[in-house]
Amino acid sequence: MNLLVVDESPDYCLNIEEMVKQTDLANSIACSYDVGTALSNINVTHYDVILISDGVEQLNGTLLLSEIKKRLSSSQTTLVILSESNDKAHVLDCIHAGAHGVLAKDELDPQLLNHTIIQAQAHCVLERKLRDSYEKVKHMAEHDSLTNVGNRYMFDTALYTQVEKSKMNHRCLGLVMVNIERFKWINDAYGHETGDRVLQHLARIISGLLQENEQVFRLGGDEFAILLSDLMYAHIDDIGQRILDALKRPIEVDAQSIKLNVNMGAAFYPQNARNARELLRSADIAEHCSKKIGSNTICFVDDDIKEQFMRRYQIENDIPLALKRNEFVLHYQPVISAKTGRLTSCEALIRWQHPVNGLVFPDHFIHIAEESGLIVNLGRWIIDQALRQLYQWQDVLDDNLIMSINISPQQLYDKDLVEYLDKRRQYYSLLPSQIEIEITETVLLTNTSEVMRTLNAFSHHGYKIALDDFGTGFSSIQHLHSFPISTVKIDRSLMPTLNSPPKTVSLLKGLVAMLNSMDLSIVAEGIETAENMTFCKEIGVDRLQGYYFSKPVSSGEFSALELGDAVA
């Protein structure tokens, strides 16, 4: 054991050395007579025990003890104060300063010295174990257990700390959010264990790319955050490009080659935020923008993007409230028989009677409802209101009137949708043949088992299924065979005008002929002139819909429409 004695008196040091030799504590003893020599010795030599006199003139014992603890490269060194005082308060001061033992000089003898050093060594071991346990618990509390990078708690602490630091030193702070694109698909396709390894792999990649002023955290799921501190100006020092370059090649996980795509959003303090909370929100907005742009992109927040996001956020918050306040209304557009000129069906179209913005059309809010999942409840409201209105019209209009209800792709994943429609239909004493389900061409691109199961259930229960917006570029002949479609609604963009070239007319004629050969009912949308109406009748269209007959109107206005001689 190496032992160092620090005392101004060579004679006292020699006395200590003689006492130590009478024990089996140490085989190497060194003495330092001043602070400078003591600290120099500690810098170059490891000592198992250091005996520190509190009578050194340059520093008192506790200050010298603190200075020595700063210099120690190991926590395994036992520190004992050789004190001039036996006062209890002084002893406690020494312990609080970091001493593992205190020994009064006037009581010193070999046996007491031996016992004190042994007790101090035990104290040192216990202190080290407690410190190690604390560091382990602290690490667990601040780090993500899966990836071993900082967790959300550590991120929140670091973000607040760095924002406050940036305020004081007038520097910039950057925040980059990183999100794995289609991570749910990776989990579903390869399993959650592989998904976890993908997260670990990405965490290692990002950690390996970081520079001195950069920290990475996992906030949860597949979302990571990178803090860039002490920036002279608002820039991300190409961290985004470093990540994209590292992900150009597929990663190998569990013998699987997986191509990782990411979306990144960046924001800066104080340029894009006044505090830590706003900085996080701004980076989130930028990341959301990146998802809209496409794979492997990084988006920087600006005032326009923030305004768009806040407007979207407000709409998303307002939709559930609008449902409770009955702010949504349905308008109805008539669909006319090309042969008889009679009203055969109508399409229910949602509007938002906003208390501030007036009548809001669905293109301003439906996509937000779909992306946020709010479309499930909103769609059920539409179904109930449309069926209620059809029931109320039974005695006023033709009791064979068909109600067309638009169903979004997201609603088709609702396993209870068909059951809900059945219950509401039965409640209003309606027949399945009086209800037509309209789907868009985008549904055909999500040919999943859930979607197909829902559509087949609709058909099996007797509901007609209409394909809306046909001809806008997504559908194929195979889709018309694969899906239980009974009606095709030709998109208004295919309707010829006076200036349309002959091939446009030929295209529509050929399309109608093909659909007729497949025994599908055909509705032409966008009928705005008598010429449109006459042309569609001549080429074999079954039903007509458009502003020539009526724009979508409220239920009261719809009941008063006079459509008997609309088709001559």
Protein backbone atom coordinates (compact mmCIF):
# COMPACT_ATOMS: atom_id res chain seq x y z
CA MET A 1 0.00 0.00 0.00
CA ASN A 2 1.30 3.47 -0.96
CA LEU A 3 0.86 6.10 1.76
CA LEU A 4 1.48 9.87 1.62
CA VAL A 5 1.87 12.11 4.69
CA VAL A 6 1.29 15.86 4.21
CA ASP A 7 2.67 17.97 7.10
CA GLU A 8 4.99 20.98 7.44
CA SER A 9 7.16 19.29 10.09
CA PRO A 10 9.76 16.77 8.86
CA ASP A 11 10.04 15.48 12.42
CA TYR A 12 6.29 14.85 12.63
CA CYS A 13 6.32 13.13 9.28
CA LEU A 14 9.19 10.95 10.45
CA ASN A 15 7.22 10.13 13.61
CA ILE A 16 4.22 9.08 11.51
CA GLU A 17 6.48 7.00 9.32
CA GLU A 18 7.86 5.14 12.35
CA MET A 19 4.32 4.43 13.62
CA VAL A 20 3.25 3.09 10.24
CA LYS A 21 6.26 0.77 10.16
CA GLN A 22 5.04 -0.76 13.42
CA THR A 23 1.86 -1.85 11.58
CA ASP A 24 1.46 -3.88 8.39
CA LEU A 25 -0.46 -1.07 6.65
CA ALA A 26 2.03 0.24 4.11
CA ASN A 27 5.12 -0.85 2.26
CA SER A 28 5.80 2.55 0.71
CA ILE A 29 5.64 5.88 2.58
CA ALA A 30 6.23 9.35 1.11
CA CYS A 31 6.19 12.75 2.82
CA SER A 32 5.30 16.21 1.48
CA TYR A 33 6.10 19.30 3.60
CA ASP A 34 4.12 21.87 1.62
CA VAL A 35 1.02 22.10 -0.54
CA GLY A 36 2.85 22.42 -3.87
CA THR A 37 4.90 19.29 -3.35
CA ALA A 38 1.87 17.35 -2.14
CA LEU A 39 -0.19 18.27 -5.18
CA SER A 40 2.72 17.49 -7.54
CA ASN A 41 3.17 14.05 -5.97
CA ILE A 42 -0.57 13.33 -6.29
CA ASN A 43 -0.48 14.24 -9.99
CA VAL A 44 2.17 11.62 -10.80
CA THR A 45 1.68 8.89 -8.18
CA HIS A 46 -1.33 6.89 -7.02
CA TYR A 47 -1.62 6.71 -3.23
CA ASP A 48 -3.91 4.31 -1.41
CA VAL A 49 -4.00 6.48 1.74
CA ILE A 50 -3.19 10.15 2.26
CA LEU A 51 -2.76 11.54 5.79
CA ILE A 52 -3.36 15.32 5.69
CA SER A 53 -2.38 17.59 8.54
CA ASP A 54 -4.71 20.54 9.12
CA GLY A 55 -1.81 22.61 10.37
CA VAL A 56 -0.33 23.37 6.94
CA GLU A 57 -0.02 27.16 6.75
CA GLN A 58 -0.85 27.73 3.08
CA LEU A 59 -4.24 26.01 3.34
CA ASN A 60 -6.29 24.82 6.25
CA GLY A 61 -7.05 21.13 6.37
CA THR A 62 -10.52 21.17 4.78
CA LEU A 63 -9.47 23.47 1.90
CA LEU A 64 -6.38 21.35 1.27
CA LEU A 65 -8.58 18.26 1.39
CA SER A 66 -10.92 19.73 -1.24
CA GLU A 67 -7.99 20.65 -3.49
CA ILE A 68 -6.53 17.15 -3.17
CA LYS A 69 -9.89 15.53 -4.04
CA LYS A 70 -10.01 17.59 -7.25
CA ARG A 71 -6.60 16.27 -8.28
CA LEU A 72 -7.22 12.61 -7.51
CA SER A 73 -7.62 10.45 -10.62
CA SER A 74 -9.26 7.67 -8.63
CA SER A 75 -12.00 7.51 -6.01
CA GLN A 76 -10.16 4.62 -4.36
CA THR A 77 -7.81 6.84 -2.33
CA THR A 78 -8.59 7.02 1.39
CA LEU A 79 -8.24 10.49 2.93
CA VAL A 80 -7.56 10.95 6.69
CA ILE A 81 -7.21 14.31 8.47
CA LEU A 82 -4.59 14.60 11.18
CA SER A 83 -6.24 17.29 13.27
CA GLU A 84 -4.86 19.75 15.79
CA SER A 85 -8.37 19.93 17.29
CA ASN A 86 -10.56 17.37 18.97
CA ASP A 87 -13.66 19.55 18.66
CA LYS A 88 -16.77 17.69 17.47
CA ALA A 89 -17.83 20.47 15.09
CA HIS A 90 -14.39 20.51 13.47
CA VAL A 91 -14.47 16.74 13.01
CA LEU A 92 -17.87 17.02 11.27
CA ASP A 93 -16.55 19.79 9.05
CA CYS A 94 -13.74 17.49 7.95
CA ILE A 95 -16.14 14.61 7.21
CA HIS A 96 -18.44 16.92 5.23
CA ALA A 97 -15.43 18.16 3.27
CA GLY A 98 -14.73 14.59 2.14
CA ALA A 99 -12.47 13.05 4.78
CA HIS A 100 -12.97 9.35 5.39
CA GLY A 101 -11.52 9.60 8.88
CA VAL A 102 -10.23 12.13 11.41
CA LEU A 103 -7.47 11.49 13.93
CA ALA A 104 -6.42 13.87 16.73
CA LYS A 105 -2.67 14.45 16.72
CA ASP A 106 -2.37 14.47 20.50
CA GLU A 107 -3.95 10.98 20.72
CA LEU A 108 -1.81 9.48 18.01
CA ASP A 109 -0.24 6.03 18.58
CA PRO A 110 0.45 3.09 16.24
CA GLN A 111 -2.64 1.08 17.23
CA LEU A 112 -5.05 4.01 16.96
CA LEU A 113 -3.48 5.02 13.64
CA ASN A 114 -3.93 1.46 12.38
CA HIS A 115 -7.60 1.30 13.45
CA THR A 116 -8.41 4.75 12.06
CA ILE A 117 -6.90 3.96 8.66
CA ILE A 118 -8.76 0.61 8.46
CA GLN A 119 -12.07 2.32 9.37
CA ALA A 120 -11.40 5.12 6.89
CA GLN A 121 -10.69 2.59 4.14
CA ALA A 122 -14.00 0.87 4.86
CA HIS A 123 -15.70 4.28 4.76
CA CYS A 124 -14.01 4.98 1.42
CA VAL A 125 -15.22 1.65 -0.06
CA LEU A 126 -18.79 2.34 1.13
CA GLU A 127 -18.69 5.88 -0.27
CA ARG A 128 -17.49 4.53 -3.62
CA LYS A 129 -20.28 1.94 -3.73
CA LEU A 130 -22.87 4.59 -2.90
CA ARG A 131 -21.45 6.90 -5.56
CA ASP A 132 -21.44 4.09 -8.13
CA SER A 133 -25.04 3.22 -7.27
CA TYR A 134 -26.07 6.84 -7.53
CA GLU A 135 -24.34 7.22 -10.92
CA LYS A 136 -26.00 4.03 -12.15
CA VAL A 137 -29.46 5.17 -11.04
CA LYS A 138 -28.80 8.65 -12.45
CA HIS A 139 -27.75 7.13 -15.78
CA MET A 140 -30.89 4.98 -15.86
CA ALA A 141 -33.05 8.01 -15.06
CA GLU A 142 -31.46 10.14 -17.80
CA HIS A 143 -30.86 7.62 -20.58
CA ASP A 144 -33.10 5.60 -22.85
CA SER A 145 -32.89 1.95 -21.84
CA LEU A 146 -33.06 0.72 -25.45
CA THR A 147 -30.59 3.01 -27.24
CA ASN A 148 -28.51 4.35 -24.30
CA VAL A 149 -28.78 7.92 -25.57
CA GLY A 150 -30.36 10.66 -23.48
CA ASN A 151 -34.08 10.21 -22.78
CA ARG A 152 -36.97 12.68 -22.71
CA TYR A 153 -36.24 13.76 -19.13
CA MET A 154 -32.61 14.49 -19.94
CA PHE A 155 -33.66 16.27 -23.14
CA ASP A 156 -36.12 18.55 -21.33
CA THR A 157 -33.45 19.42 -18.74
CA ALA A 158 -30.75 20.03 -21.36
CA LEU A 159 -33.08 22.08 -23.59
CA TYR A 160 -34.06 24.42 -20.77
CA THR A 161 -30.46 24.69 -19.54
CA GLN A 162 -29.06 25.43 -23.00
CA VAL A 163 -31.74 28.04 -23.74
CA GLU A 164 -30.88 29.86 -20.50
CA LYS A 165 -27.18 29.59 -21.31
CA SER A 166 -27.78 30.98 -24.81
CA LYS A 167 -29.60 33.95 -23.31
CA MET A 168 -26.59 34.79 -21.16
CA ASN A 169 -23.83 34.35 -23.75
CA HIS A 170 -25.87 35.69 -26.71
CA ARG A 171 -25.30 32.57 -28.79
CA CYS A 172 -27.71 30.51 -30.91
CA LEU A 173 -29.13 27.13 -30.02
CA GLY A 174 -30.20 24.68 -32.73
CA LEU A 175 -32.70 21.84 -32.41
CA VAL A 176 -33.08 19.13 -35.05
CA MET A 177 -35.90 16.58 -34.84
CA VAL A 178 -35.31 13.24 -36.60
CA ASN A 179 -38.12 10.79 -37.36
CA ILE A 180 -37.95 7.41 -39.13
CA GLU A 181 -40.33 7.27 -42.06
CA ARG A 182 -42.86 4.40 -41.98
CA PHE A 183 -41.39 2.93 -38.80
CA LYS A 184 -44.72 1.25 -38.02
CA TRP A 185 -44.38 -0.62 -41.30
CA ILE A 186 -40.91 -1.83 -40.24
CA ASN A 187 -42.37 -3.12 -36.97
CA ASP A 188 -45.26 -4.81 -38.77
CA ALA A 189 -43.13 -6.30 -41.55
CA TYR A 190 -40.09 -7.47 -39.56
CA GLY A 191 -41.34 -7.64 -35.96
CA HIS A 192 -40.83 -5.41 -32.94
CA GLU A 193 -37.47 -6.96 -32.02
CA THR A 194 -36.07 -5.96 -35.39
CA GLY A 195 -37.71 -2.55 -34.98
CA ASP A 196 -35.88 -2.12 -31.67
CA ARG A 197 -32.57 -3.00 -33.32
CA VAL A 198 -33.27 -0.46 -36.06
CA LEU A 199 -33.69 2.20 -33.35
CA GLN A 200 -30.44 1.09 -31.70
CA HIS A 201 -28.66 1.18 -35.06
CA LEU A 202 -29.88 4.70 -35.85
CA ALA A 203 -28.91 5.91 -32.37
CA ARG A 204 -25.38 4.56 -32.89
CA ILE A 205 -25.16 6.19 -36.33
CA ILE A 206 -26.22 9.61 -35.02
CA SER A 207 -24.02 9.34 -31.91
CA GLY A 208 -21.02 8.52 -34.08
CA LEU A 209 -21.59 11.62 -36.21
CA LEU A 210 -21.88 14.15 -33.37
CA GLN A 211 -19.37 16.90 -32.77
CA GLU A 212 -18.36 18.42 -29.44
CA ASN A 213 -21.30 20.82 -29.17
CA GLU A 214 -23.98 18.31 -30.23
CA GLN A 215 -26.12 15.94 -28.13
CA VAL A 216 -28.65 13.32 -29.22
CA PHE A 217 -31.74 12.17 -27.33
CA ARG A 218 -34.53 9.69 -27.98
CA LEU A 219 -37.85 11.32 -27.15
CA GLY A 220 -39.93 8.18 -27.62
CA GLY A 221 -41.00 5.83 -30.38
CA ASP A 222 -38.94 6.53 -33.49
CA GLU A 223 -38.31 10.20 -32.71
CA PHE A 224 -34.86 11.56 -31.91
CA ALA A 225 -33.72 15.10 -31.11
CA ILE A 226 -30.30 16.69 -31.59
CA LEU A 227 -29.27 19.80 -29.65
CA LEU A 228 -26.58 22.03 -31.16
CA SER A 229 -25.33 24.48 -28.54
CA ASP A 230 -23.07 27.53 -28.50
CA LEU A 231 -23.64 28.44 -32.17
CA MET A 232 -22.32 31.75 -33.49
CA TYR A 233 -25.25 31.96 -35.94
CA ALA A 234 -28.33 29.93 -36.94
CA HIS A 235 -26.99 26.86 -38.75
CA ILE A 236 -26.99 23.13 -38.13
CA ASP A 237 -23.38 22.55 -39.18
CA ASP A 238 -24.38 19.93 -41.80
CA ILE A 239 -25.54 17.39 -39.17
CA GLY A 240 -28.57 16.73 -41.38
CA GLN A 241 -26.43 15.92 -44.41
CA ARG A 242 -24.12 13.78 -42.29
CA ILE A 243 -27.10 11.66 -41.23
CA LEU A 244 -28.47 11.39 -44.78
CA ASP A 245 -25.04 10.38 -46.11
CA ALA A 246 -24.74 7.69 -43.44
CA LEU A 247 -28.17 6.29 -44.39
CA LYS A 248 -27.60 6.11 -48.15
CA ARG A 249 -26.92 2.40 -47.91
CA PRO A 250 -29.37 -0.08 -46.34
CA ILE A 251 -28.56 -1.17 -42.80
CA GLU A 252 -28.17 -4.83 -41.92
CA VAL A 253 -30.35 -5.88 -38.99
CA ASP A 254 -31.03 -9.52 -38.04
CA ALA A 255 -29.90 -10.71 -41.49
CA GLN A 256 -32.35 -8.23 -43.04
CA SER A 257 -31.31 -5.41 -45.36
CA ILE A 258 -33.48 -2.41 -44.44
CA LYS A 259 -33.37 0.96 -46.18
CA LEU A 260 -33.97 3.69 -43.60
CA ASN A 261 -35.57 6.96 -44.66
CA VAL A 262 -35.88 9.86 -42.27
CA ASN A 263 -37.57 13.23 -42.01
CA MET A 264 -35.88 16.10 -40.20
CA GLY A 265 -37.02 19.49 -38.98
CA ALA A 266 -34.80 22.26 -37.59
CA ALA A 267 -35.43 25.40 -35.57
CA PHE A 268 -33.25 27.89 -33.70
CA TYR A 269 -33.29 29.96 -30.56
CA PRO A 270 -33.75 32.93 -30.51
CA GLN A 271 -34.59 33.23 -34.24
CA ASN A 272 -37.66 30.93 -34.17
CA ALA A 273 -38.59 30.87 -30.48
CA ARG A 274 -38.66 32.90 -27.29
CA ASN A 275 -38.21 29.97 -24.90
CA ALA A 276 -37.55 26.23 -24.73
CA ARG A 277 -41.19 25.27 -25.25
CA GLU A 278 -41.51 27.36 -28.40
CA LEU A 279 -38.23 26.02 -29.77
CA LEU A 280 -39.50 22.43 -29.44
CA ARG A 281 -42.80 23.34 -31.05
CA SER A 282 -41.04 25.12 -33.93
CA ALA A 283 -38.81 22.10 -34.58
CA ASP A 284 -41.88 19.84 -34.49
CA ILE A 285 -43.58 22.07 -37.05
CA ALA A 286 -40.52 21.89 -39.31
CA GLU A 287 -40.44 18.10 -39.00
CA HIS A 288 -44.11 17.90 -39.94
CA CYS A 289 -43.33 20.02 -43.00
CA SER A 290 -40.50 17.64 -43.91
CA LYS A 291 -42.93 14.69 -43.86
CA LYS A 292 -45.11 16.54 -46.36
CA ILE A 293 -42.17 17.19 -48.69
CA GLY A 294 -40.95 13.59 -48.87
CA SER A 295 -38.31 11.12 -47.76
CA ASN A 296 -34.84 12.10 -46.56
CA THR A 297 -35.53 15.81 -46.38
CA ILE A 298 -34.80 18.47 -43.79
CA CYS A 299 -37.09 21.43 -43.36
CA PHE A 300 -36.33 24.70 -41.58
CA VAL A 301 -39.16 26.47 -39.82
CA ASP A 302 -40.22 29.97 -40.85
CA ASP A 303 -43.15 32.25 -40.09
CA ASP A 304 -45.27 30.95 -43.00
CA ILE A 305 -44.79 27.33 -41.98
CA LYS A 306 -45.59 28.16 -38.35
CA GLU A 307 -48.74 30.00 -39.40
CA GLN A 308 -49.91 27.07 -41.53
CA PHE A 309 -49.22 24.63 -38.75
CA MET A 310 -51.02 26.72 -36.14
CA ARG A 311 -54.00 27.06 -38.46
CA ARG A 312 -54.05 23.29 -38.93
CA TYR A 313 -53.59 22.73 -35.19
CA GLN A 314 -56.51 25.06 -34.47
CA ILE A 315 -58.76 23.21 -36.93
CA GLU A 316 -57.78 19.87 -35.42
CA ASN A 317 -58.71 21.15 -31.95
CA ASP A 318 -61.94 22.74 -33.18
CA ILE A 319 -63.41 19.71 -35.00
CA PRO A 320 -64.43 17.78 -31.83
CA LEU A 321 -65.83 21.01 -30.36
CA ALA A 322 -67.75 21.72 -33.57
CA LEU A 323 -69.33 18.27 -33.37
CA LYS A 324 -70.53 19.00 -29.83
CA ARG A 325 -71.84 22.44 -30.83
CA ASN A 326 -73.65 21.09 -33.93
CA GLU A 327 -71.70 23.42 -36.22
CA PHE A 328 -71.49 20.87 -39.04
CA VAL A 329 -74.30 20.69 -41.60
CA LEU A 330 -74.99 18.54 -44.65
CA HIS A 331 -75.80 19.92 -48.07
CA TYR A 332 -77.25 17.73 -50.78
CA GLN A 333 -76.71 17.71 -54.54
CA PRO A 334 -79.30 16.00 -56.75
CA VAL A 335 -78.45 13.21 -59.20
CA ILE A 336 -80.85 12.95 -62.16
CA SER A 337 -81.81 9.98 -64.36
CA ALA A 338 -80.59 10.62 -67.92
CA LYS A 339 -83.54 8.62 -69.31
CA THR A 340 -86.49 9.93 -67.27
CA GLY A 341 -85.22 13.27 -65.98
CA ARG A 342 -86.41 12.31 -62.52
CA LEU A 343 -84.53 12.70 -59.27
CA THR A 344 -83.00 9.29 -58.44
CA SER A 345 -80.42 10.02 -55.75
CA CYS A 346 -78.53 12.73 -53.96
CA GLU A 347 -75.02 13.09 -52.59
CA ALA A 348 -74.56 14.22 -48.98
CA LEU A 349 -71.73 16.76 -48.66
CA ILE A 350 -70.51 18.14 -45.36
CA ARG A 351 -70.09 21.85 -44.58
CA TRP A 352 -68.87 23.59 -41.45
CA GLN A 353 -70.99 26.52 -40.29
CA HIS A 354 -68.10 28.16 -38.46
CA PRO A 355 -69.04 30.88 -35.92
CA VAL A 356 -66.22 33.13 -37.17
CA ASN A 357 -65.36 32.03 -40.70
CA GLY A 358 -68.87 31.38 -41.97
CA LEU A 359 -69.62 28.41 -44.22
CA VAL A 360 -66.39 26.39 -44.61
CA PHE A 361 -66.08 23.81 -47.39
CA PRO A 362 -64.64 20.34 -46.71
CA ASP A 363 -61.39 20.86 -48.63
CA HIS A 364 -60.33 23.11 -45.73
CA PHE A 365 -60.78 20.54 -42.96
CA ILE A 366 -61.54 16.98 -44.16
CA HIS A 367 -57.89 16.11 -44.88
CA ILE A 368 -56.98 17.25 -41.35
CA ALA A 369 -59.76 15.09 -39.91
CA GLU A 370 -58.44 12.14 -41.94
CA GLU A 371 -54.80 12.57 -40.94
CA SER A 372 -55.64 13.08 -37.26
CA GLY A 373 -58.10 10.18 -36.99
CA LEU A 374 -61.02 12.51 -36.21
CA ILE A 375 -62.70 11.36 -39.42
CA VAL A 376 -64.03 8.24 -37.63
CA ASN A 377 -66.38 10.20 -35.35
CA LEU A 378 -67.05 12.87 -37.97
CA GLY A 379 -67.85 10.20 -40.55
CA ARG A 380 -70.30 8.51 -38.21
CA TRP A 381 -72.02 11.86 -37.66
CA ILE A 382 -72.36 12.24 -41.45
CA ILE A 383 -73.87 8.75 -41.75
CA ASP A 384 -76.42 9.40 -39.00
CA GLN A 385 -77.44 12.82 -40.32
CA ALA A 386 -77.73 11.63 -43.93
CA LEU A 387 -79.89 8.64 -42.96
CA ARG A 388 -82.07 10.79 -40.73
CA GLN A 389 -82.63 13.20 -43.60
CA LEU A 390 -83.46 10.36 -46.00
CA TYR A 391 -86.01 9.04 -43.50
CA GLN A 392 -87.60 12.51 -43.21
CA TRP A 393 -87.85 12.79 -47.01
CA GLN A 394 -89.72 9.49 -47.39
CA ASP A 395 -93.14 11.17 -47.36
CA VAL A 396 -92.03 14.29 -49.27
CA LEU A 397 -89.89 12.93 -52.10
CA ASP A 398 -89.72 9.65 -53.99
CA ASP A 399 -89.49 6.84 -51.43
CA ASN A 400 -86.98 5.12 -53.74
CA LEU A 401 -84.54 8.02 -53.40
CA ILE A 402 -80.94 6.85 -52.89
CA MET A 403 -78.62 8.63 -50.47
CA SER A 404 -74.93 8.68 -51.48
CA ILE A 405 -72.54 8.96 -48.52
CA ASN A 406 -68.81 9.61 -48.92
CA ILE A 407 -66.55 7.28 -46.92
CA SER A 408 -62.87 8.17 -46.56
CA PRO A 409 -60.08 5.57 -46.84
CA GLN A 410 -59.34 5.94 -43.12
CA GLN A 411 -62.93 5.05 -42.20
CA LEU A 412 -62.63 1.73 -43.99
CA TYR A 413 -60.15 0.60 -41.33
CA ASP A 414 -62.90 0.98 -38.70
CA LYS A 415 -63.91 -2.62 -38.08
CA ASP A 416 -67.25 -1.53 -36.61
CA LEU A 417 -68.23 0.75 -39.51
CA VAL A 418 -70.54 -1.70 -41.30
CA GLU A 419 -72.25 -2.65 -38.05
CA TYR A 420 -72.76 1.04 -37.21
CA LEU A 421 -74.29 1.74 -40.63
CA ASP A 422 -76.60 -1.28 -40.27
CA LYS A 423 -77.85 -0.16 -36.85
CA ARG A 424 -78.52 3.42 -37.96
CA ARG A 425 -80.24 2.23 -41.15
CA GLN A 426 -82.49 -0.11 -39.19
CA TYR A 427 -83.25 2.65 -36.68
CA TYR A 428 -84.55 4.85 -39.51
CA SER A 429 -86.39 1.93 -41.19
CA LEU A 430 -84.41 2.19 -44.42
CA LEU A 431 -83.38 -0.48 -46.94
CA PRO A 432 -79.73 -1.18 -47.90
CA SER A 433 -80.67 -0.49 -51.54
CA GLN A 434 -81.47 3.12 -50.59
CA ILE A 435 -77.86 3.76 -49.53
CA GLU A 436 -74.84 4.16 -51.79
CA ILE A 437 -71.32 4.23 -50.37
CA GLU A 438 -68.94 6.50 -52.29
CA ILE A 439 -65.21 5.81 -52.18
CA THR A 440 -62.43 7.66 -53.95
CA GLU A 441 -59.82 6.21 -56.28
CA THR A 442 -57.18 6.52 -53.56
CA VAL A 443 -58.91 3.65 -51.72
CA LEU A 444 -57.93 1.35 -54.59
CA LEU A 445 -54.27 2.05 -53.87
CA THR A 446 -54.67 0.82 -50.27
CA ASN A 447 -55.71 -2.67 -51.27
CA THR A 448 -55.24 -4.09 -47.79
CA SER A 449 -57.13 -6.98 -46.27
CA GLU A 450 -58.93 -4.61 -43.85
CA VAL A 451 -60.16 -2.33 -46.65
CA MET A 452 -61.23 -5.24 -48.85
CA ARG A 453 -62.99 -6.90 -45.93
CA THR A 454 -64.99 -3.73 -45.17
CA LEU A 455 -65.97 -3.17 -48.82
CA ASN A 456 -67.02 -6.79 -49.23
CA ALA A 457 -69.10 -6.51 -46.06
CA PHE A 458 -70.87 -3.44 -47.44
CA SER A 459 -71.65 -5.31 -50.65
CA HIS A 460 -72.74 -8.47 -48.81
CA HIS A 461 -75.18 -6.41 -46.70
CA GLY A 462 -76.77 -5.01 -49.85
CA TYR A 463 -75.21 -1.54 -50.02
CA LYS A 464 -74.21 -0.16 -53.40
CA ILE A 465 -70.61 0.99 -53.78
CA ALA A 466 -69.76 3.87 -56.10
CA LEU A 467 -66.24 4.76 -57.26
CA ASP A 468 -65.93 8.55 -57.25
CA ASP A 469 -63.59 10.74 -59.34
CA PHE A 470 -62.99 7.97 -61.88
CA GLY A 471 -60.47 8.94 -64.55
CA THR A 472 -58.19 11.17 -62.48
CA GLY A 473 -55.26 8.83 -62.87
CA PHE A 474 -55.31 6.12 -60.18
CA SER A 475 -57.85 3.53 -61.28
CA SER A 476 -57.30 0.61 -63.58
CA ILE A 477 -59.62 -1.92 -65.24
CA GLN A 478 -58.30 -4.54 -62.82
CA HIS A 479 -59.56 -2.46 -59.88
CA LEU A 480 -63.08 -2.49 -61.30
CA HIS A 481 -62.93 -6.29 -61.31
CA SER A 482 -61.23 -6.68 -57.92
CA PHE A 483 -63.48 -4.41 -55.86
CA PRO A 484 -67.26 -4.86 -55.38
CA ILE A 485 -68.08 -1.68 -57.31
CA SER A 486 -71.56 -1.22 -58.79
CA THR A 487 -71.38 2.45 -59.87
CA VAL A 488 -68.67 4.57 -61.47
CA LYS A 489 -68.77 8.37 -61.20
CA ILE A 490 -66.79 9.92 -64.06
CA ASP A 491 -64.77 12.89 -62.85
CA ARG A 492 -65.79 16.38 -63.99
CA SER A 493 -62.32 16.94 -65.48
CA LEU A 494 -63.22 14.55 -68.34
CA MET A 495 -66.34 16.49 -69.33
CA PRO A 496 -65.77 18.04 -72.82
CA THR A 497 -66.12 21.77 -73.33
CA LEU A 498 -66.66 23.79 -76.51
CA ASN A 499 -62.88 24.08 -76.96
CA SER A 500 -62.03 20.44 -76.16
CA PRO A 501 -60.12 18.55 -78.88
CA PRO A 502 -61.90 15.61 -80.60
CA LYS A 503 -59.80 13.07 -78.68
CA THR A 504 -61.36 14.26 -75.38
CA VAL A 505 -64.83 13.46 -76.74
CA SER A 506 -63.59 10.12 -78.08
CA LEU A 507 -61.99 9.31 -74.73
CA LEU A 508 -65.22 9.84 -72.82
CA LYS A 509 -67.25 7.90 -75.38
CA GLY A 510 -64.85 4.96 -75.17
CA LEU A 511 -64.81 5.07 -71.39
CA VAL A 512 -68.60 5.01 -71.13
CA ALA A 513 -68.82 2.16 -73.68
CA MET A 514 -66.31 0.14 -71.70
CA LEU A 515 -68.14 0.69 -68.38
CA ASN A 516 -71.48 -0.20 -69.98
CA SER A 517 -69.96 -3.44 -71.26
CA MET A 518 -69.02 -4.26 -67.66
CA ASP A 519 -72.65 -3.71 -66.59
CA LEU A 520 -71.69 -0.83 -64.29
CA SER A 521 -74.00 2.09 -63.53
CA ILE A 522 -72.46 5.36 -64.76
CA VAL A 523 -72.82 8.82 -63.24
CA ALA A 524 -71.35 11.82 -65.06
CA GLU A 525 -70.21 14.60 -62.75
CA GLY A 526 -69.67 18.20 -63.78
CA ILE A 527 -72.84 18.69 -65.87
CA GLU A 528 -72.89 22.47 -66.17
CA THR A 529 -74.56 23.09 -69.55
CA ALA A 530 -77.40 21.72 -71.65
CA GLU A 531 -74.73 20.54 -74.12
CA ASN A 532 -73.06 18.48 -71.39
CA MET A 533 -76.39 16.93 -70.50
CA THR A 534 -77.34 16.09 -74.11
CA PHE A 535 -73.92 14.63 -74.90
CA CYS A 536 -73.95 12.35 -71.82
CA LYS A 537 -77.46 11.12 -72.64
CA GLU A 538 -76.40 10.27 -76.21
CA ILE A 539 -73.32 8.25 -75.21
CA GLY A 540 -75.19 6.11 -72.66
CA VAL A 541 -74.57 7.70 -69.24
CA ASP A 542 -77.19 6.56 -66.70
CA ARG A 543 -77.25 9.47 -64.23
CA LEU A 544 -76.24 13.12 -64.29
CA GLN A 545 -74.91 15.39 -61.56
CA GLY A 546 -73.76 18.99 -61.70
CA TYR A 547 -74.49 22.68 -61.26
CA TYR A 548 -76.75 22.64 -64.35
CA PHE A 549 -79.35 21.01 -62.11
CA SER A 550 -78.32 22.42 -58.74
CA LYS A 551 -75.35 23.16 -56.58
CA PRO A 552 -75.26 21.36 -53.19
CA VAL A 553 -77.97 22.96 -51.04
CA SER A 554 -79.44 22.65 -47.57
CA SER A 555 -82.11 20.06 -46.86
CA GLY A 556 -84.86 22.70 -46.94
CA GLU A 557 -83.75 24.06 -50.31
CA PHE A 558 -83.37 20.55 -51.68
CA SER A 559 -87.00 19.71 -50.86
CA ALA A 560 -88.14 22.75 -52.84
CA LEU A 561 -86.10 22.00 -55.99
CA GLU A 562 -88.14 21.61 -59.17
CA LEU A 563 -86.33 19.05 -61.29
CA GLY A 564 -89.19 17.41 -63.13
CA ASP A 565 -88.33 18.83 -66.57
CA ALA A 566 -84.58 19.16 -66.10
CA VAL A 567 -83.89 16.57 -68.79
CA ALA A 568 -85.90 17.18 -71.93
